[in-house]
Structures are given as structure tokens and as C-alpha cells.
Amino acid sequence: MKLARQTVTEYLKTGKVLQVPKNVSSKLMEKCGVFVTLNTIKNQTKMLRGCIGIPSPIQPLTRAVIETAISASTQDPRFPPVKLNELDHIVFEVSVLTPPELVKTDKPTDLPVKIQVGRDGLILEHRYHKGLLLPQVPVEYRWSEEEFLCQTAMKAGLPPDAWLLKDTKIYRFQAIIFEEKIPKGEIVQKEI
């Protein structure tokens, strides 16, 4: 969490990318998927300001946090780049992901019982389309498992029922989520 905020602050101040700190715990050097989410706080309400991640465990967690923190703050196509003076009003959230696991089923209609809202995040792949939603998203919107599948399909740019197509692949993963309670404040593990 601290590395994500330090990375964005330094990058917005100087344009320099932080190096992976020396003497980091070996746990933080394990290869993990990670997402960094930035939320603006206005009138005690969170509003998404940026979210980008690396879903697969392809690089050490510290390196992935540095890359995704910069990307979430400057390259999320849904938002203009974050400005330095905004950081006092932004809370950081870091989701460390388990490796994605293919959900196997004989009938696509059985998929809703193979996933669990509040535990699983989803990746939907269909040909060249791919969409991902973190485990906290369906909880925040109070979706059922079926709604979660539909929303993941739409995130991939597909019709809501694309998860029922024979050649669609669904992967699930879990996340350990850390967040700041307030900007630059106490860091807690988020329960979903």
C-alpha cells in the first residue's frame, strides 16, 4: 500500500519510476497478480478514479505494484491522468490476486453455482474479448452470481449472455484487499 502511494507521488512530482526497494520481504518478491484502485473521496463517498492491474502472476509483487499504480493513476482510459494536488483526496486500494483458475463445467448454465459472490473475481474470455471484475465489485453492486457473469461479459465488450456460449472460458480468482481508511491514513485489510 505504501509503495503504491509513494510510487504515484514520486511519478507525478518528478516523472521518475521508483525502483523496487532493497531488503524487501521475500513474500513481497513472489510473483502475484495485482490491481491498484484509486478512489476519490467526496462527501464521505468513494468514486472510482482509476483501476488497472495485472491479473496473472508474471512478475514480483513489488514490481507489479509499481507498474499498476502508475498505470491506474495516469493510463486508465476512463479518466484523465491524476494530478498531484488530487492525492490528498484519493484513497488507495491494492488487491493481491491468486492465480486465475479455469471454472470447469459440462453445461454453461451450471456456472452460477460454481462461483461465489464475495469470494471470487472473474475473468471471461471469448475469442479476442476479455473482461475482468474484482471480487469486491459484485458485493458493492449487490449482484447475484448470474448478474456477476453478465456484467463480466459486458466488461469484455460482449452481450450479457456471452458467458453461456460454448467457447467462452470463465476463470475465477480470489484477492487479499488492502485499503486506506482515509487518504494517507491507516491501512486495513478490506473484508468483502
C-alpha atoms as a PDB file:
ATOM      1  CA  MET A   1       0.000   0.000   0.000  1.00  0.00           C
ATOM      2  CA  LYS A   2       2.710   2.450   0.977  1.00  0.00           C
ATOM      3  CA  LEU A   3       4.699   1.550  -2.134  1.00  0.00           C
ATOM      4  CA  ALA A   4       1.660   2.268  -4.348  1.00  0.00           C
ATOM      5  CA  ARG A   5       1.157   5.754  -2.869  1.00  0.00           C
ATOM      6  CA  GLN A   6       4.905   6.546  -2.866  1.00  0.00           C
ATOM      7  CA  THR A   7       5.173   5.421  -6.483  1.00  0.00           C
ATOM      8  CA  VAL A   8       2.332   7.647  -7.686  1.00  0.00           C
ATOM      9  CA  THR A   9       3.502  10.632  -5.640  1.00  0.00           C
ATOM     10  CA  GLU A  10       7.061  10.389  -6.971  1.00  0.00           C
ATOM     11  CA  TYR A  11       5.906   9.814 -10.537  1.00  0.00           C
ATOM     12  CA  LEU A  12       3.546  12.799 -10.500  1.00  0.00           C
ATOM     13  CA  LYS A  13       6.198  15.047  -8.893  1.00  0.00           C
ATOM     14  CA  THR A  14       9.228  14.089 -10.967  1.00  0.00           C
ATOM     15  CA  GLY A  15       8.199  11.704 -13.741  1.00  0.00           C
ATOM     16  CA  LYS A  16      10.572   9.102 -12.268  1.00  0.00           C
ATOM     17  CA  VAL A  17       9.607   5.486 -11.661  1.00  0.00           C
ATOM     18  CA  LEU A  18      10.598   4.143  -8.244  1.00  0.00           C
ATOM     19  CA  GLN A  19      12.909   1.171  -8.129  1.00  0.00           C
ATOM     20  CA  VAL A  20      11.980  -1.927  -6.152  1.00  0.00           C
ATOM     21  CA  PRO A  21      13.157  -1.206  -2.597  1.00  0.00           C
ATOM     22  CA  LYS A  22      16.130  -3.165  -1.300  1.00  0.00           C
ATOM     23  CA  ASN A  23      15.727  -5.562   1.644  1.00  0.00           C
ATOM     24  CA  VAL A  24      12.087  -6.237   0.821  1.00  0.00           C
ATOM     25  CA  SER A  25      10.435  -9.241   2.437  1.00  0.00           C
ATOM     26  CA  SER A  26      10.672 -12.365   0.289  1.00  0.00           C
ATOM     27  CA  LYS A  27       6.836 -12.539   0.391  1.00  0.00           C
ATOM     28  CA  LEU A  28       6.692  -9.233  -1.493  1.00  0.00           C
ATOM     29  CA  MET A  29       9.039 -10.612  -4.152  1.00  0.00           C
ATOM     30  CA  GLU A  30       6.761 -13.558  -5.016  1.00  0.00           C
ATOM     31  CA  LYS A  31       5.084 -13.412  -8.403  1.00  0.00           C
ATOM     32  CA  CYS A  32       1.468 -12.301  -7.974  1.00  0.00           C
ATOM     33  CA  GLY A  33      -1.314 -10.709  -9.928  1.00  0.00           C
ATOM     34  CA  VAL A  34      -2.305  -7.313  -8.526  1.00  0.00           C
ATOM     35  CA  PHE A  35      -4.722  -4.453  -9.112  1.00  0.00           C
ATOM     36  CA  VAL A  36      -4.350  -0.911  -7.831  1.00  0.00           C
ATOM     37  CA  THR A  37      -7.590   1.025  -7.427  1.00  0.00           C
ATOM     38  CA  LEU A  38      -7.806   4.751  -6.761  1.00  0.00           C
ATOM     39  CA  ASN A  39     -10.998   6.213  -5.289  1.00  0.00           C
ATOM     40  CA  THR A  40     -11.682   9.910  -4.836  1.00  0.00           C
ATOM     41  CA  ILE A  41     -13.421  10.725  -1.548  1.00  0.00           C
ATOM     42  CA  LYS A  42     -16.112  13.400  -1.803  1.00  0.00           C
ATOM     43  CA  ASN A  43     -18.632  13.957   0.984  1.00  0.00           C
ATOM     44  CA  GLN A  44     -17.616  10.594   2.507  1.00  0.00           C
ATOM     45  CA  THR A  45     -18.497   8.829  -0.750  1.00  0.00           C
ATOM     46  CA  LYS A  46     -15.980   6.880  -2.837  1.00  0.00           C
ATOM     47  CA  MET A  47     -15.882   7.497  -6.559  1.00  0.00           C
ATOM     48  CA  LEU A  48     -13.653   5.448  -8.840  1.00  0.00           C
ATOM     49  CA  ARG A  49     -10.696   7.478 -10.143  1.00  0.00           C
ATOM     50  CA  GLY A  50      -8.624   4.708 -11.724  1.00  0.00           C
ATOM     51  CA  CYS A  51      -8.101   0.960 -11.633  1.00  0.00           C
ATOM     52  CA  ILE A  52      -5.572  -1.087 -13.568  1.00  0.00           C
ATOM     53  CA  GLY A  53      -3.901  -4.372 -12.833  1.00  0.00           C
ATOM     54  CA  ILE A  54      -2.021  -7.416 -13.926  1.00  0.00           C
ATOM     55  CA  PRO A  55      -4.242 -10.473 -13.390  1.00  0.00           C
ATOM     56  CA  SER A  56      -1.613 -13.193 -13.820  1.00  0.00           C
ATOM     57  CA  PRO A  57       1.391 -13.881 -11.589  1.00  0.00           C
ATOM     58  CA  ILE A  58       4.031 -12.858 -14.140  1.00  0.00           C
ATOM     59  CA  GLN A  59       6.302 -10.639 -12.065  1.00  0.00           C
ATOM     60  CA  PRO A  60       7.280  -9.959  -8.441  1.00  0.00           C
ATOM     61  CA  LEU A  61       4.535  -8.252  -6.428  1.00  0.00           C
ATOM     62  CA  THR A  62       6.621  -5.124  -5.724  1.00  0.00           C
ATOM     63  CA  ARG A  63       7.360  -4.568  -9.425  1.00  0.00           C
ATOM     64  CA  ALA A  64       3.704  -5.223 -10.321  1.00  0.00           C
ATOM     65  CA  VAL A  65       2.520  -2.699  -7.695  1.00  0.00           C
ATOM     66  CA  ILE A  66       4.857  -0.027  -9.063  1.00  0.00           C
ATOM     67  CA  GLU A  67       3.668  -0.595 -12.651  1.00  0.00           C
ATOM     68  CA  THR A  68      -0.033  -0.802 -11.874  1.00  0.00           C
ATOM     69  CA  ALA A  69      -0.008   2.180  -9.504  1.00  0.00           C
ATOM     70  CA  ILE A  70       1.425   4.384 -12.254  1.00  0.00           C
ATOM     71  CA  SER A  71      -0.982   2.948 -14.816  1.00  0.00           C
ATOM     72  CA  ALA A  72      -4.039   3.360 -12.567  1.00  0.00           C
ATOM     73  CA  SER A  73      -3.147   6.999 -11.940  1.00  0.00           C
ATOM     74  CA  THR A  74      -2.153   8.010 -15.468  1.00  0.00           C
ATOM     75  CA  GLN A  75      -3.362   5.488 -18.059  1.00  0.00           C
ATOM     76  CA  ASP A  76      -6.890   4.359 -17.160  1.00  0.00           C
ATOM     77  CA  PRO A  77      -8.717   5.303 -20.393  1.00  0.00           C
ATOM     78  CA  ARG A  78     -11.916   6.116 -18.463  1.00  0.00           C
ATOM     79  CA  PHE A  79     -10.324   9.076 -16.661  1.00  0.00           C
ATOM     80  CA  PRO A  80      -7.880  11.920 -17.242  1.00  0.00           C
ATOM     81  CA  PRO A  81      -4.495  11.439 -15.527  1.00  0.00           C
ATOM     82  CA  VAL A  82      -4.480  12.124 -11.789  1.00  0.00           C
ATOM     83  CA  LYS A  83      -2.908  15.431 -10.779  1.00  0.00           C
ATOM     84  CA  LEU A  84      -0.556  15.734  -7.812  1.00  0.00           C
ATOM     85  CA  ASN A  85      -2.960  18.009  -5.904  1.00  0.00           C
ATOM     86  CA  GLU A  86      -5.657  15.289  -6.060  1.00  0.00           C
ATOM     87  CA  LEU A  87      -3.685  12.793  -3.970  1.00  0.00           C
ATOM     88  CA  ASP A  88      -4.868  14.296  -0.670  1.00  0.00           C
ATOM     89  CA  HIS A  89      -8.412  13.276  -1.669  1.00  0.00           C
ATOM     90  CA  ILE A  90      -7.682   9.791  -3.030  1.00  0.00           C
ATOM     91  CA  VAL A  91      -7.639   6.507  -1.134  1.00  0.00           C
ATOM     92  CA  PHE A  92      -5.527   3.689  -2.491  1.00  0.00           C
ATOM     93  CA  GLU A  93      -6.634   0.074  -2.625  1.00  0.00           C
ATOM     94  CA  VAL A  94      -4.361  -2.837  -3.558  1.00  0.00           C
ATOM     95  CA  SER A  95      -5.816  -6.245  -4.445  1.00  0.00           C
ATOM     96  CA  VAL A  96      -3.302  -9.115  -4.449  1.00  0.00           C
ATOM     97  CA  LEU A  97      -4.681 -11.954  -6.580  1.00  0.00           C
ATOM     98  CA  THR A  98      -4.445 -15.706  -6.536  1.00  0.00           C
ATOM     99  CA  PRO A  99      -3.630 -17.283  -9.904  1.00  0.00           C
ATOM    100  CA  PRO A 100      -6.721 -17.483 -12.146  1.00  0.00           C
ATOM    101  CA  GLU A 101      -8.317 -20.953 -12.242  1.00  0.00           C
ATOM    102  CA  LEU A 102     -10.465 -22.182 -15.132  1.00  0.00           C
ATOM    103  CA  VAL A 103     -14.021 -22.934 -13.985  1.00  0.00           C
ATOM    104  CA  LYS A 104     -14.891 -26.329 -15.434  1.00  0.00           C
ATOM    105  CA  THR A 105     -18.454 -27.361 -16.142  1.00  0.00           C
ATOM    106  CA  ASP A 106     -20.287 -29.581 -18.604  1.00  0.00           C
ATOM    107  CA  LYS A 107     -23.109 -27.071 -19.051  1.00  0.00           C
ATOM    108  CA  PRO A 108     -22.604 -23.288 -19.050  1.00  0.00           C
ATOM    109  CA  THR A 109     -25.934 -22.918 -17.206  1.00  0.00           C
ATOM    110  CA  ASP A 110     -24.199 -24.515 -14.186  1.00  0.00           C
ATOM    111  CA  LEU A 111     -21.633 -21.683 -13.958  1.00  0.00           C
ATOM    112  CA  PRO A 112     -23.533 -19.593 -11.360  1.00  0.00           C
ATOM    113  CA  VAL A 113     -23.258 -22.412  -8.803  1.00  0.00           C
ATOM    114  CA  LYS A 114     -19.518 -22.766  -9.480  1.00  0.00           C
ATOM    115  CA  ILE A 115     -18.708 -19.212  -8.409  1.00  0.00           C
ATOM    116  CA  GLN A 116     -19.376 -17.272  -5.224  1.00  0.00           C
ATOM    117  CA  VAL A 117     -20.047 -13.556  -4.867  1.00  0.00           C
ATOM    118  CA  GLY A 118     -17.942 -12.201  -2.019  1.00  0.00           C
ATOM    119  CA  ARG A 119     -15.131 -14.661  -2.660  1.00  0.00           C
ATOM    120  CA  ASP A 120     -14.409 -14.865  -6.381  1.00  0.00           C
ATOM    121  CA  GLY A 121     -13.303 -12.420  -9.005  1.00  0.00           C
ATOM    122  CA  LEU A 122     -13.971 -13.365 -12.626  1.00  0.00           C
ATOM    123  CA  ILE A 123     -12.209 -13.282 -15.959  1.00  0.00           C
ATOM    124  CA  LEU A 124     -14.274 -14.008 -19.053  1.00  0.00           C
ATOM    125  CA  GLU A 125     -12.567 -14.845 -22.350  1.00  0.00           C
ATOM    126  CA  HIS A 126     -14.341 -15.290 -25.666  1.00  0.00           C
ATOM    127  CA  ARG A 127     -12.191 -15.288 -28.781  1.00  0.00           C
ATOM    128  CA  TYR A 128     -10.455 -11.885 -28.752  1.00  0.00           C
ATOM    129  CA  HIS A 129     -12.572 -10.420 -25.969  1.00  0.00           C
ATOM    130  CA  LYS A 130     -11.557 -10.433 -22.329  1.00  0.00           C
ATOM    131  CA  GLY A 131     -13.139  -8.870 -19.263  1.00  0.00           C
ATOM    132  CA  LEU A 132     -12.233  -8.935 -15.573  1.00  0.00           C
ATOM    133  CA  LEU A 133     -14.079  -7.879 -12.445  1.00  0.00           C
ATOM    134  CA  LEU A 134     -12.514  -7.960  -8.985  1.00  0.00           C
ATOM    135  CA  PRO A 135     -14.253  -9.865  -6.145  1.00  0.00           C
ATOM    136  CA  GLN A 136     -15.322  -6.669  -4.374  1.00  0.00           C
ATOM    137  CA  VAL A 137     -17.289  -5.356  -7.386  1.00  0.00           C
ATOM    138  CA  PRO A 138     -20.359  -7.658  -7.241  1.00  0.00           C
ATOM    139  CA  VAL A 139     -20.564  -7.116  -3.484  1.00  0.00           C
ATOM    140  CA  GLU A 140     -20.579  -3.318  -3.897  1.00  0.00           C
ATOM    141  CA  TYR A 141     -23.366  -3.555  -6.501  1.00  0.00           C
ATOM    142  CA  ARG A 142     -25.240  -6.398  -4.757  1.00  0.00           C
ATOM    143  CA  TRP A 143     -25.210  -8.634  -7.817  1.00  0.00           C
ATOM    144  CA  SER A 144     -26.186 -12.297  -7.874  1.00  0.00           C
ATOM    145  CA  GLU A 145     -23.761 -14.823  -9.364  1.00  0.00           C
ATOM    146  CA  GLU A 146     -25.672 -14.681 -12.660  1.00  0.00           C
ATOM    147  CA  GLU A 147     -25.576 -10.867 -12.731  1.00  0.00           C
ATOM    148  CA  PHE A 148     -21.841 -11.059 -11.986  1.00  0.00           C
ATOM    149  CA  LEU A 149     -21.322 -13.303 -15.039  1.00  0.00           C
ATOM    150  CA  CYS A 150     -23.418 -10.959 -17.211  1.00  0.00           C
ATOM    151  CA  GLN A 151     -21.531  -7.867 -16.044  1.00  0.00           C
ATOM    152  CA  THR A 152     -18.172  -9.574 -16.678  1.00  0.00           C
ATOM    153  CA  ALA A 153     -19.319 -10.396 -20.214  1.00  0.00           C
ATOM    154  CA  MET A 154     -20.282  -6.754 -20.771  1.00  0.00           C
ATOM    155  CA  LYS A 155     -16.901  -5.642 -19.350  1.00  0.00           C
ATOM    156  CA  ALA A 156     -15.385  -7.776 -22.129  1.00  0.00           C
ATOM    157  CA  GLY A 157     -17.467  -5.831 -24.672  1.00  0.00           C
ATOM    158  CA  LEU A 158     -19.838  -8.736 -25.246  1.00  0.00           C
ATOM    159  CA  PRO A 159     -23.584  -9.235 -24.800  1.00  0.00           C
ATOM    160  CA  PRO A 160     -24.606 -10.107 -21.205  1.00  0.00           C
ATOM    161  CA  ASP A 161     -25.362 -13.729 -22.062  1.00  0.00           C
ATOM    162  CA  ALA A 162     -21.960 -14.405 -23.688  1.00  0.00           C
ATOM    163  CA  TRP A 163     -20.975 -16.495 -20.651  1.00  0.00           C
ATOM    164  CA  LEU A 164     -23.437 -19.127 -21.940  1.00  0.00           C
ATOM    165  CA  LEU A 165     -21.624 -19.554 -25.260  1.00  0.00           C
ATOM    166  CA  LYS A 166     -19.844 -22.884 -25.696  1.00  0.00           C
ATOM    167  CA  ASP A 167     -16.398 -21.448 -26.458  1.00  0.00           C
ATOM    168  CA  THR A 168     -16.410 -18.873 -23.622  1.00  0.00           C
ATOM    169  CA  LYS A 169     -13.936 -19.519 -20.819  1.00  0.00           C
ATOM    170  CA  ILE A 170     -14.559 -18.356 -17.261  1.00  0.00           C
ATOM    171  CA  TYR A 171     -11.731 -18.100 -14.753  1.00  0.00           C
ATOM    172  CA  ARG A 172     -12.104 -17.338 -11.056  1.00  0.00           C
ATOM    173  CA  PHE A 173      -9.602 -15.956  -8.589  1.00  0.00           C
ATOM    174  CA  GLN A 174      -9.577 -14.603  -5.066  1.00  0.00           C
ATOM    175  CA  ALA A 175      -7.947 -11.478  -3.651  1.00  0.00           C
ATOM    176  CA  ILE A 176      -6.488 -10.148  -0.451  1.00  0.00           C
ATOM    177  CA  ILE A 177      -7.501  -6.499  -0.464  1.00  0.00           C
ATOM    178  CA  PHE A 178      -5.828  -3.684   1.450  1.00  0.00           C
ATOM    179  CA  GLU A 179      -7.109  -0.112   1.538  1.00  0.00           C
ATOM    180  CA  GLU A 180      -6.511   3.206   3.198  1.00  0.00           C
ATOM    181  CA  LYS A 181      -9.364   4.205   5.509  1.00  0.00           C
ATOM    182  CA  ILE A 182      -8.774   7.841   4.564  1.00  0.00           C
ATOM    183  CA  PRO A 183      -6.237   9.403   2.162  1.00  0.00           C
ATOM    184  CA  LYS A 184      -2.734   8.771   3.567  1.00  0.00           C
ATOM    185  CA  GLY A 185      -4.407   7.163   6.586  1.00  0.00           C
ATOM    186  CA  GLU A 186      -4.489   3.828   8.346  1.00  0.00           C
ATOM    187  CA  ILE A 187      -4.193   0.788   6.109  1.00  0.00           C
ATOM    188  CA  VAL A 188      -6.593  -2.085   6.745  1.00  0.00           C
ATOM    189  CA  GLN A 189      -7.386  -5.399   5.143  1.00  0.00           C
ATOM    190  CA  LYS A 190     -10.759  -4.987   3.447  1.00  0.00           C
ATOM    191  CA  GLU A 191     -13.450  -7.534   4.226  1.00  0.00           C
ATOM    192  CA  ILE A 192     -15.880  -8.180   1.386  1.00  0.00           C
END
